[in-house]
Amino acid sequence: MRRLTVWLSIGSLVIVAKTCPQPYRRRDFNVDIKGRLLPIEEATTMDAIPTPAKAGILKKVGDGKLRVVETYLKTGQPMMYEASYSDNKGKRHEVLVKADGSETKE
């Protein structure tokens, strides 16, 4: 394990374990206060995700700068893909898309 982070907010506690199983590959495990596994995020590349998901991310990023692409796996749901990017003014954003490229909020 590389780092353990604890987030505490009103009525909830989330523990995030950041691991690095291979060089330059990051995997985040999120666990709530009751021990339930929340989404697992793992760093990946644009070439490793489905073409429609890649197109959906690139459409949202537009002229901005793509920063990080991650797989996003939530228990009982199909794989999704999350990307963080900066717009032309340097403001950071995130987008979450399904395998078919449609944007979702989780």
N, C-alpha and C. Protein backbone atom coordinates (compact mmCIF):
# COMPACT_ATOMS: atom_id res chain seq x y z
N MET A 1 0.85 -1.17 0.00
CA MET A 1 0.00 0.00 0.00
C MET A 1 0.89 1.23 0.00
N ARG A 2 0.52 2.20 -0.79
CA ARG A 2 1.30 3.41 -0.92
C ARG A 2 0.84 4.47 0.07
N ARG A 3 -0.49 4.61 0.26
CA ARG A 3 -1.00 5.66 1.13
C ARG A 3 -2.39 5.30 1.61
N LEU A 4 -2.71 5.69 2.82
CA LEU A 4 -4.04 5.48 3.38
C LEU A 4 -4.59 6.84 3.75
N THR A 5 -5.76 7.17 3.21
CA THR A 5 -6.39 8.46 3.46
C THR A 5 -7.75 8.23 4.09
N VAL A 6 -8.10 9.05 5.07
CA VAL A 6 -9.41 8.96 5.70
C VAL A 6 -10.12 10.28 5.50
N TRP A 7 -11.33 10.22 4.91
CA TRP A 7 -12.16 11.40 4.72
C TRP A 7 -13.33 11.31 5.68
N LEU A 8 -13.57 12.34 6.42
CA LEU A 8 -14.67 12.37 7.37
C LEU A 8 -15.56 13.55 7.03
N SER A 9 -16.82 13.28 6.80
CA SER A 9 -17.78 14.35 6.58
C SER A 9 -19.00 14.03 7.43
N ILE A 10 -19.93 14.92 7.50
CA ILE A 10 -21.10 14.74 8.36
C ILE A 10 -21.82 13.45 7.99
N GLY A 11 -21.86 12.53 8.94
CA GLY A 11 -22.59 11.28 8.74
C GLY A 11 -21.89 10.21 7.94
N SER A 12 -20.67 10.44 7.49
CA SER A 12 -20.01 9.40 6.71
C SER A 12 -18.50 9.44 6.90
N LEU A 13 -17.90 8.31 6.69
CA LEU A 13 -16.46 8.15 6.76
C LEU A 13 -16.06 7.30 5.57
N VAL A 14 -15.09 7.75 4.82
CA VAL A 14 -14.59 6.98 3.68
C VAL A 14 -13.09 6.80 3.85
N ILE A 15 -12.65 5.57 3.71
CA ILE A 15 -11.23 5.26 3.78
C ILE A 15 -10.76 4.92 2.36
N VAL A 16 -9.71 5.56 1.92
CA VAL A 16 -9.17 5.35 0.58
C VAL A 16 -7.77 4.76 0.71
N ALA A 17 -7.58 3.58 0.18
CA ALA A 17 -6.26 2.95 0.15
C ALA A 17 -5.71 3.08 -1.25
N LYS A 18 -4.60 3.75 -1.40
CA LYS A 18 -3.97 3.92 -2.70
C LYS A 18 -2.84 2.91 -2.82
N THR A 19 -2.90 2.12 -3.88
CA THR A 19 -1.88 1.11 -4.10
C THR A 19 -1.19 1.39 -5.42
N CYS A 20 -0.07 0.78 -5.61
CA CYS A 20 0.67 0.92 -6.85
C CYS A 20 1.23 -0.45 -7.22
N PRO A 21 0.39 -1.34 -7.81
CA PRO A 21 0.82 -2.70 -8.09
C PRO A 21 1.93 -2.81 -9.14
N GLN A 22 1.98 -1.89 -10.05
CA GLN A 22 3.00 -1.88 -11.09
C GLN A 22 3.46 -0.45 -11.26
N PRO A 23 4.64 -0.22 -11.78
CA PRO A 23 5.09 1.15 -11.98
C PRO A 23 4.06 1.96 -12.80
N TYR A 24 3.75 3.13 -12.32
CA TYR A 24 2.85 4.08 -13.00
C TYR A 24 1.41 3.60 -13.10
N ARG A 25 1.03 2.57 -12.32
CA ARG A 25 -0.36 2.11 -12.28
C ARG A 25 -0.87 2.32 -10.89
N ARG A 26 -1.94 3.06 -10.77
CA ARG A 26 -2.49 3.39 -9.47
C ARG A 26 -3.85 2.74 -9.34
N ARG A 27 -4.16 2.23 -8.18
CA ARG A 27 -5.47 1.65 -7.92
C ARG A 27 -5.95 2.18 -6.58
N ASP A 28 -7.17 2.73 -6.54
CA ASP A 28 -7.74 3.27 -5.31
C ASP A 28 -8.91 2.40 -4.87
N PHE A 29 -8.88 1.96 -3.62
CA PHE A 29 -9.98 1.21 -3.03
C PHE A 29 -10.65 2.13 -2.02
N ASN A 30 -11.95 2.34 -2.15
CA ASN A 30 -12.70 3.18 -1.24
C ASN A 30 -13.63 2.30 -0.41
N VAL A 31 -13.58 2.47 0.91
CA VAL A 31 -14.39 1.68 1.83
C VAL A 31 -15.15 2.64 2.74
N ASP A 32 -16.47 2.41 2.91
CA ASP A 32 -17.23 3.28 3.80
C ASP A 32 -17.13 2.80 5.25
N ILE A 33 -17.77 3.50 6.15
CA ILE A 33 -17.66 3.23 7.59
C ILE A 33 -18.20 1.85 7.96
N LYS A 34 -19.10 1.30 7.16
CA LYS A 34 -19.66 -0.02 7.43
C LYS A 34 -18.84 -1.14 6.77
N GLY A 35 -17.73 -0.78 6.14
CA GLY A 35 -16.87 -1.77 5.52
C GLY A 35 -17.27 -2.15 4.11
N ARG A 36 -18.25 -1.46 3.53
CA ARG A 36 -18.68 -1.75 2.16
C ARG A 36 -17.68 -1.16 1.17
N LEU A 37 -17.37 -1.95 0.17
CA LEU A 37 -16.46 -1.50 -0.87
C LEU A 37 -17.19 -0.54 -1.79
N LEU A 38 -16.64 0.65 -1.94
CA LEU A 38 -17.18 1.66 -2.85
C LEU A 38 -16.42 1.53 -4.17
N PRO A 39 -16.58 2.43 -5.11
CA PRO A 39 -15.91 2.28 -6.42
C PRO A 39 -14.40 2.05 -6.32
N ILE A 40 -13.92 1.21 -7.23
CA ILE A 40 -12.48 0.96 -7.37
C ILE A 40 -12.03 1.70 -8.63
N GLU A 41 -11.03 2.55 -8.47
CA GLU A 41 -10.50 3.32 -9.59
C GLU A 41 -9.08 2.86 -9.86
N GLU A 42 -8.80 2.56 -11.13
CA GLU A 42 -7.46 2.11 -11.50
C GLU A 42 -6.98 2.86 -12.73
N ALA A 43 -5.78 3.41 -12.66
CA ALA A 43 -5.22 4.15 -13.78
C ALA A 43 -5.08 3.25 -15.00
N THR A 44 -5.36 3.81 -16.17
CA THR A 44 -5.24 3.07 -17.42
C THR A 44 -4.84 4.05 -18.52
N THR A 45 -4.85 3.60 -19.75
CA THR A 45 -4.52 4.47 -20.88
C THR A 45 -5.73 4.56 -21.80
N MET A 46 -5.73 5.56 -22.65
CA MET A 46 -6.83 5.72 -23.61
C MET A 46 -6.89 4.53 -24.56
N ASP A 47 -5.74 3.97 -24.91
CA ASP A 47 -5.71 2.84 -25.83
C ASP A 47 -6.32 1.58 -25.24
N ALA A 48 -6.42 1.52 -23.92
CA ALA A 48 -6.91 0.31 -23.25
C ALA A 48 -8.43 0.32 -23.02
N ILE A 49 -9.10 1.42 -23.35
CA ILE A 49 -10.55 1.48 -23.10
C ILE A 49 -11.31 1.33 -24.42
N PRO A 50 -12.59 0.97 -24.37
CA PRO A 50 -13.37 0.78 -25.60
C PRO A 50 -13.42 2.07 -26.44
N THR A 51 -13.45 1.89 -27.74
CA THR A 51 -13.47 3.03 -28.66
C THR A 51 -14.61 4.00 -28.39
N PRO A 52 -15.86 3.55 -28.14
CA PRO A 52 -16.93 4.51 -27.86
C PRO A 52 -16.67 5.32 -26.58
N ALA A 53 -16.09 4.69 -25.55
CA ALA A 53 -15.78 5.41 -24.32
C ALA A 53 -14.69 6.45 -24.58
N LYS A 54 -13.70 6.08 -25.38
CA LYS A 54 -12.63 7.01 -25.75
C LYS A 54 -13.20 8.21 -26.49
N ALA A 55 -14.11 7.96 -27.43
CA ALA A 55 -14.73 9.05 -28.19
C ALA A 55 -15.54 9.97 -27.27
N GLY A 56 -16.27 9.38 -26.31
CA GLY A 56 -17.06 10.18 -25.38
C GLY A 56 -16.18 11.07 -24.51
N ILE A 57 -15.05 10.54 -24.07
CA ILE A 57 -14.13 11.34 -23.26
C ILE A 57 -13.52 12.46 -24.10
N LEU A 58 -13.03 12.13 -25.29
CA LEU A 58 -12.40 13.14 -26.14
C LEU A 58 -13.36 14.24 -26.54
N LYS A 59 -14.64 13.88 -26.73
CA LYS A 59 -15.66 14.88 -27.06
C LYS A 59 -15.81 15.87 -25.91
N LYS A 60 -15.81 15.37 -24.69
CA LYS A 60 -15.97 16.23 -23.51
C LYS A 60 -14.73 17.08 -23.28
N VAL A 61 -13.55 16.50 -23.48
CA VAL A 61 -12.30 17.23 -23.26
C VAL A 61 -12.14 18.34 -24.30
N GLY A 62 -12.56 18.08 -25.52
CA GLY A 62 -12.47 19.09 -26.58
C GLY A 62 -11.05 19.58 -26.78
N ASP A 63 -10.85 20.90 -26.68
CA ASP A 63 -9.52 21.50 -26.86
C ASP A 63 -8.71 21.50 -25.58
N GLY A 64 -9.28 20.95 -24.51
CA GLY A 64 -8.57 20.92 -23.22
C GLY A 64 -7.44 19.90 -23.23
N LYS A 65 -6.85 19.70 -22.05
CA LYS A 65 -5.72 18.77 -21.92
C LYS A 65 -6.14 17.59 -21.04
N LEU A 66 -6.08 16.41 -21.61
CA LEU A 66 -6.40 15.19 -20.88
C LEU A 66 -5.29 14.92 -19.88
N ARG A 67 -5.67 14.62 -18.64
CA ARG A 67 -4.68 14.41 -17.58
C ARG A 67 -4.57 12.93 -17.20
N VAL A 68 -5.64 12.34 -16.69
CA VAL A 68 -5.61 10.96 -16.20
C VAL A 68 -6.86 10.24 -16.67
N VAL A 69 -6.71 8.97 -17.05
CA VAL A 69 -7.84 8.11 -17.41
C VAL A 69 -7.82 6.93 -16.44
N GLU A 70 -9.00 6.61 -15.89
CA GLU A 70 -9.10 5.52 -14.93
C GLU A 70 -10.29 4.63 -15.26
N THR A 71 -10.16 3.35 -14.96
CA THR A 71 -11.34 2.49 -14.97
C THR A 71 -12.07 2.76 -13.66
N TYR A 72 -13.38 2.64 -13.68
CA TYR A 72 -14.21 2.96 -12.52
C TYR A 72 -15.19 1.81 -12.36
N LEU A 73 -14.97 1.00 -11.34
CA LEU A 73 -15.79 -0.18 -11.14
C LEU A 73 -16.53 -0.07 -9.82
N LYS A 74 -17.86 -0.08 -9.92
CA LYS A 74 -18.71 -0.02 -8.75
C LYS A 74 -19.45 -1.35 -8.66
N THR A 75 -19.51 -1.93 -7.48
CA THR A 75 -20.13 -3.24 -7.27
C THR A 75 -21.52 -3.29 -7.90
N GLY A 76 -21.75 -4.32 -8.72
CA GLY A 76 -23.05 -4.53 -9.33
C GLY A 76 -23.31 -3.70 -10.58
N GLN A 77 -22.33 -2.94 -11.04
CA GLN A 77 -22.50 -2.12 -12.24
C GLN A 77 -21.42 -2.48 -13.25
N PRO A 78 -21.70 -2.22 -14.53
CA PRO A 78 -20.66 -2.48 -15.54
C PRO A 78 -19.51 -1.49 -15.42
N MET A 79 -18.39 -1.83 -15.99
CA MET A 79 -17.20 -0.97 -15.97
C MET A 79 -17.51 0.38 -16.61
N MET A 80 -17.02 1.43 -15.98
CA MET A 80 -17.12 2.79 -16.52
C MET A 80 -15.71 3.37 -16.58
N TYR A 81 -15.58 4.53 -17.17
CA TYR A 81 -14.28 5.14 -17.38
C TYR A 81 -14.34 6.59 -16.96
N GLU A 82 -13.37 7.01 -16.15
CA GLU A 82 -13.33 8.37 -15.63
C GLU A 82 -12.07 9.05 -16.14
N ALA A 83 -12.22 10.29 -16.56
CA ALA A 83 -11.06 11.05 -17.03
C ALA A 83 -11.04 12.40 -16.34
N SER A 84 -9.86 12.84 -15.97
CA SER A 84 -9.71 14.20 -15.48
C SER A 84 -8.98 14.99 -16.57
N TYR A 85 -9.39 16.23 -16.70
CA TYR A 85 -8.80 17.06 -17.75
C TYR A 85 -8.84 18.52 -17.33
N SER A 86 -8.06 19.32 -18.02
CA SER A 86 -8.03 20.77 -17.80
C SER A 86 -8.61 21.45 -19.03
N ASP A 87 -9.44 22.46 -18.81
CA ASP A 87 -9.96 23.21 -19.95
C ASP A 87 -8.90 24.23 -20.41
N ASN A 88 -9.24 25.04 -21.40
CA ASN A 88 -8.28 26.00 -21.97
C ASN A 88 -7.83 27.04 -20.96
N LYS A 89 -8.62 27.26 -19.90
CA LYS A 89 -8.26 28.25 -18.88
C LYS A 89 -7.51 27.61 -17.71
N GLY A 90 -7.27 26.30 -17.79
CA GLY A 90 -6.53 25.61 -16.75
C GLY A 90 -7.38 25.04 -15.62
N LYS A 91 -8.70 25.22 -15.70
CA LYS A 91 -9.58 24.70 -14.67
C LYS A 91 -9.74 23.19 -14.85
N ARG A 92 -9.64 22.46 -13.73
CA ARG A 92 -9.73 20.99 -13.80
C ARG A 92 -11.17 20.51 -13.73
N HIS A 93 -11.44 19.44 -14.50
CA HIS A 93 -12.77 18.83 -14.55
C HIS A 93 -12.61 17.32 -14.58
N GLU A 94 -13.71 16.62 -14.34
CA GLU A 94 -13.76 15.17 -14.49
C GLU A 94 -15.00 14.79 -15.27
N VAL A 95 -14.90 13.69 -16.00
CA VAL A 95 -16.04 13.16 -16.73
C VAL A 95 -16.05 11.65 -16.53
N LEU A 96 -17.25 11.10 -16.37
CA LEU A 96 -17.44 9.66 -16.20
C LEU A 96 -18.31 9.19 -17.34
N VAL A 97 -17.83 8.19 -18.09
CA VAL A 97 -18.59 7.68 -19.22
C VAL A 97 -18.76 6.17 -19.11
N LYS A 98 -19.83 5.68 -19.71
CA LYS A 98 -20.08 4.24 -19.80
C LYS A 98 -19.27 3.70 -20.98
N ALA A 99 -19.26 2.38 -21.13
CA ALA A 99 -18.51 1.76 -22.23
C ALA A 99 -19.03 2.21 -23.59
N ASP A 100 -20.32 2.59 -23.67
CA ASP A 100 -20.89 3.03 -24.94
C ASP A 100 -20.59 4.50 -25.24
N GLY A 101 -19.86 5.17 -24.34
CA GLY A 101 -19.46 6.56 -24.56
C GLY A 101 -20.41 7.59 -23.99
N SER A 102 -21.55 7.16 -23.46
CA SER A 102 -22.50 8.13 -22.90
C SER A 102 -22.04 8.58 -21.52
N GLU A 103 -22.19 9.88 -21.28
CA GLU A 103 -21.78 10.45 -19.99
C GLU A 103 -22.77 10.05 -18.90
N THR A 104 -22.26 9.82 -17.70
CA THR A 104 -23.11 9.44 -16.59
C THR A 104 -22.62 10.15 -15.33
N LYS A 105 -23.46 10.16 -14.33
CA LYS A 105 -23.09 10.79 -13.07
C LYS A 105 -22.78 9.76 -11.99
N GLU A 106 -22.80 8.47 -12.34
CA GLU A 106 -22.46 7.36 -11.46
C GLU A 106 -23.59 6.43 -11.36
